[in-house]
Amino acid sequence: MRIETASARVAAGLIALLAWIGLAVQFVAVTAQVGSVTEAVWVMLRYFTVLTNLLAALVLTGLAVGQSAFRSPRLLGLLTLSILFVGVVYAVLLRGLLELSGGALFADAVMHYVVPSLVPVFWLLFAPKGALRWHDPVIWAVYPVAYFVYALARGASDGKYPYPFMDIPVVGLPSALATVAIILILYLAAGLVLVGLGRWMGRSGGVS
C-alpha cells in the first residue's frame, strides 16, 4: 500500500489525533500543576518525549491532509526511529519512576506506549522506503544530539534536568555523558537496521 492512499491518510490522521490528544491532556495536567500556561509550555518543551510526539502529530497531520512535503522517506524514517526510542528508553530507564494518576497517567500511556507502537506499524505498512541510504542514520542522529545539548544546557542554566540519567549534579557528568553516548550508539545501530529493512522491503515489492 502507498502513503497517498485513502487508508494511509486515515491511519495517519488517527495516529495524529492520538498524539494531539496525549499532548493536550499532558498540557492540561502540567498547567494545573504549575498554574501558568506559559510555564506549562516551557516545562513540556524540556522533554524529548513531548518534542517527538509533537513531531509525530505534525508530520502525520500533514500526511492526513495530503501535504506532499511530509512524504519524505528520510523524514518518516527519522520520525519512526525517534518515536521508537521514546518508548524503548522509557521502558528501560524511566518506567515507574513517577507516581502518576488521572490525565497525567493517560498522557503517559499515549505518549510512551500508544504512539511509539503505532508509528512504526504505519511506517511498515505505508511509508516509502526504497530511497533510504546507509548514511541516513547519521543525519537522523543530529536530532537527538541537538536535543541532548539543549537539555543539558537548560539543566546547567536552571538546575532542572529532564531525566534522571541526565541529572549531572546527582549522577555526575561522566555517567550522564556515558549514558547519552550509549543511547546515541544504539540509535545509530537501530537506524541502520531500519534502513536495511526499508531497502529490503523496497526491493522485495514492499512500499518503495
Protein backbone atom coordinates (compact mmCIF):
# COMPACT_ATOMS: atom_id res chain seq x y z
CA MET A 1 0.00 0.00 0.00
CA ARG A 2 1.14 3.55 -0.68
CA ILE A 3 1.21 6.60 1.54
CA GLU A 4 -1.05 8.55 -0.84
CA THR A 5 -3.95 6.11 -0.46
CA ALA A 6 -7.09 6.93 1.47
CA SER A 7 -6.37 4.19 4.00
CA ALA A 8 -2.89 5.59 4.65
CA ARG A 9 -4.28 9.09 5.15
CA VAL A 10 -6.95 7.81 7.53
CA ALA A 11 -4.36 5.83 9.51
CA ALA A 12 -2.09 8.89 9.67
CA GLY A 13 -5.00 11.01 10.83
CA LEU A 14 -5.97 8.62 13.61
CA ILE A 15 -2.43 8.34 14.95
CA ALA A 16 -2.02 12.12 14.71
CA LEU A 17 -5.25 12.56 16.65
CA LEU A 18 -3.99 10.28 19.41
CA ALA A 19 -0.72 12.20 19.57
CA TRP A 20 -2.55 15.54 19.77
CA ILE A 21 -4.84 14.18 22.49
CA GLY A 22 -1.88 12.92 24.51
CA LEU A 23 -0.13 16.27 24.21
CA ALA A 24 -3.30 18.18 25.09
CA VAL A 25 -4.05 16.08 28.16
CA GLN A 26 -0.44 16.41 29.30
CA PHE A 27 -0.64 20.17 28.78
CA VAL A 28 -3.75 20.40 30.95
CA ALA A 29 -2.12 18.29 33.66
CA VAL A 30 1.08 20.35 33.67
CA THR A 31 -0.84 23.63 33.61
CA ALA A 32 -2.82 22.53 36.67
CA GLN A 33 0.46 21.67 38.39
CA VAL A 34 2.42 24.86 37.61
CA GLY A 35 -0.52 27.28 37.42
CA SER A 36 0.57 29.03 34.23
CA VAL A 37 0.00 28.28 30.54
CA THR A 38 3.33 29.82 29.55
CA GLU A 39 5.20 27.92 32.23
CA ALA A 40 3.45 24.69 31.23
CA VAL A 41 4.64 25.08 27.63
CA TRP A 42 8.20 25.78 28.82
CA VAL A 43 8.16 22.75 31.11
CA MET A 44 6.83 20.42 28.42
CA LEU A 45 9.40 21.54 25.86
CA ARG A 46 12.09 20.21 28.18
CA TYR A 47 11.28 16.60 27.27
CA PHE A 48 12.32 14.51 24.26
CA THR A 49 9.06 12.59 24.65
CA VAL A 50 6.97 15.74 24.15
CA LEU A 51 9.07 17.09 21.29
CA THR A 52 8.99 13.77 19.42
CA ASN A 53 5.26 13.26 19.96
CA LEU A 54 4.77 16.80 18.68
CA LEU A 55 6.85 15.90 15.62
CA ALA A 56 4.67 12.82 15.11
CA ALA A 57 1.49 14.87 15.45
CA LEU A 58 2.67 17.46 12.92
CA VAL A 59 4.05 15.02 10.34
CA LEU A 60 1.08 12.65 10.48
CA THR A 61 -1.38 15.53 10.34
CA GLY A 62 0.43 16.73 7.22
CA LEU A 63 0.13 13.25 5.69
CA ALA A 64 -3.54 13.02 6.63
CA VAL A 65 -4.38 16.24 4.78
CA GLY A 66 -2.32 15.23 1.75
CA GLN A 67 0.71 17.51 2.08
CA SER A 68 3.44 16.04 -0.12
CA ALA A 69 6.23 17.69 1.90
CA PHE A 70 5.63 15.16 4.67
CA ARG A 71 6.06 12.10 2.42
CA SER A 72 9.86 12.22 2.51
CA PRO A 73 11.29 8.76 3.27
CA ARG A 74 14.03 10.33 5.39
CA LEU A 75 11.59 12.43 7.42
CA LEU A 76 9.42 9.39 8.08
CA GLY A 77 12.50 7.32 8.94
CA LEU A 78 13.62 9.97 11.42
CA LEU A 79 10.17 10.07 13.00
CA THR A 80 9.88 6.29 13.21
CA LEU A 81 13.31 5.79 14.74
CA SER A 82 12.94 8.66 17.21
CA ILE A 83 9.45 7.78 18.45
CA LEU A 84 10.52 4.15 18.79
CA PHE A 85 13.35 5.29 21.04
CA VAL A 86 10.88 7.29 23.13
CA GLY A 87 9.16 4.03 24.00
CA VAL A 88 12.32 1.95 24.43
CA VAL A 89 14.21 4.43 26.62
CA TYR A 90 11.12 4.95 28.76
CA ALA A 91 10.60 1.21 29.21
CA VAL A 92 14.26 0.54 30.06
CA LEU A 93 15.28 3.60 32.08
CA LEU A 94 12.25 5.60 33.20
CA ARG A 95 9.17 3.45 33.74
CA GLY A 96 7.82 3.53 37.28
CA LEU A 97 9.97 6.41 38.50
CA LEU A 98 6.93 8.68 38.98
CA GLU A 99 3.57 8.02 40.59
CA LEU A 100 1.01 9.22 38.04
CA SER A 101 -2.77 9.41 38.08
CA GLY A 102 -5.64 10.89 36.13
CA GLY A 103 -4.78 12.83 32.99
CA ALA A 104 -1.04 12.57 33.55
CA LEU A 105 -1.27 8.76 33.61
CA PHE A 106 -3.38 8.74 30.43
CA ALA A 107 -0.97 11.08 28.62
CA ASP A 108 1.97 9.00 29.80
CA ALA A 109 0.45 5.87 28.26
CA VAL A 110 -0.40 7.59 24.98
CA MET A 111 2.98 9.26 24.51
CA HIS A 112 5.19 6.41 25.74
CA TYR A 113 3.28 3.34 24.54
CA VAL A 114 0.49 4.02 22.05
CA VAL A 115 2.10 6.46 19.64
CA PRO A 116 5.55 4.77 19.77
CA SER A 117 3.83 1.48 18.86
CA LEU A 118 1.58 2.79 16.09
CA VAL A 119 4.06 4.95 14.18
CA PRO A 120 6.42 2.01 13.36
CA VAL A 121 3.41 -0.01 12.20
CA PHE A 122 2.39 2.90 9.97
CA TRP A 123 5.94 3.05 8.60
CA LEU A 124 5.93 -0.67 7.83
CA LEU A 125 2.56 -0.53 6.06
CA PHE A 126 2.64 2.76 4.21
CA ALA A 127 5.92 4.69 4.23
CA PRO A 128 8.19 4.89 1.15
CA LYS A 129 11.41 3.06 1.99
CA GLY A 130 13.49 2.22 -1.08
CA ALA A 131 15.11 5.67 -1.18
CA LEU A 132 16.70 5.30 2.26
CA ARG A 133 20.51 5.38 2.29
CA TRP A 134 23.05 3.93 4.70
CA HIS A 135 24.21 7.38 5.79
CA ASP A 136 20.70 8.47 6.78
CA PRO A 137 21.07 7.36 10.45
CA VAL A 138 23.98 9.77 10.83
CA ILE A 139 21.74 12.59 9.59
CA TRP A 140 18.89 11.44 11.84
CA ALA A 141 21.24 11.41 14.85
CA VAL A 142 21.53 15.20 14.59
CA TYR A 143 18.07 15.38 16.20
CA PRO A 144 18.87 13.52 19.47
CA VAL A 145 22.34 15.10 19.64
CA ALA A 146 20.80 18.57 19.35
CA TYR A 147 18.24 17.61 21.99
CA PHE A 148 20.86 16.37 24.45
CA VAL A 149 22.90 19.57 24.03
CA TYR A 150 19.76 21.65 24.52
CA ALA A 151 18.58 19.65 27.55
CA LEU A 152 21.96 19.72 29.25
CA ALA A 153 22.29 23.46 28.59
CA ARG A 154 18.86 24.09 30.10
CA GLY A 155 19.75 21.94 33.08
CA ALA A 156 23.02 23.78 33.62
CA SER A 157 21.11 27.06 33.46
CA ASP A 158 18.20 26.34 35.80
CA GLY A 159 19.29 23.17 37.61
CA LYS A 160 16.37 21.12 36.25
CA TYR A 161 17.23 18.11 34.13
CA PRO A 162 14.53 16.27 32.16
CA TYR A 163 15.56 12.71 33.00
CA PRO A 164 17.38 11.12 35.97
CA PHE A 165 20.18 9.68 33.81
CA MET A 166 20.97 13.25 32.68
CA ASP A 167 20.86 14.81 36.15
CA ILE A 168 24.53 15.83 36.34
CA PRO A 169 24.51 17.04 39.98
CA VAL A 170 23.20 13.62 41.04
CA VAL A 171 24.84 11.10 38.69
CA GLY A 172 27.88 13.13 37.68
CA LEU A 173 28.96 14.40 34.27
CA PRO A 174 30.89 11.24 33.21
CA SER A 175 27.90 8.99 33.97
CA ALA A 176 25.45 11.29 32.20
CA LEU A 177 27.63 11.56 29.10
CA ALA A 178 28.27 7.81 29.07
CA THR A 179 24.53 7.05 29.16
CA VAL A 180 23.85 9.59 26.44
CA ALA A 181 26.65 8.11 24.31
CA ILE A 182 25.21 4.60 24.71
CA ILE A 183 21.76 5.83 23.70
CA LEU A 184 23.20 7.54 20.61
CA ILE A 185 25.17 4.44 19.60
CA LEU A 186 22.03 2.31 19.93
CA TYR A 187 20.08 4.96 18.00
CA LEU A 188 22.58 4.75 15.13
CA ALA A 189 22.55 0.95 15.18
CA ALA A 190 18.75 0.85 15.15
CA GLY A 191 18.79 3.38 12.32
CA LEU A 192 20.98 1.08 10.25
CA VAL A 193 18.54 -1.78 10.91
CA LEU A 194 15.67 0.47 9.82
CA VAL A 195 17.47 1.42 6.61
CA GLY A 196 18.34 -2.19 5.89
CA LEU A 197 14.75 -3.29 6.44
CA GLY A 198 13.46 -0.46 4.29
CA ARG A 199 15.81 -1.21 1.42
CA TRP A 200 14.98 -4.92 1.60
CA MET A 201 11.24 -4.20 1.59
CA GLY A 202 11.70 -1.80 -1.32
CA ARG A 203 13.49 -4.48 -3.38
CA SER A 204 11.11 -7.28 -2.43
CA GLY A 205 7.96 -5.48 -3.51
CA GLY A 206 7.06 -3.60 -0.34
CA VAL A 207 6.30 0.10 -0.28
CA SER A 208 9.12 1.85 -2.12
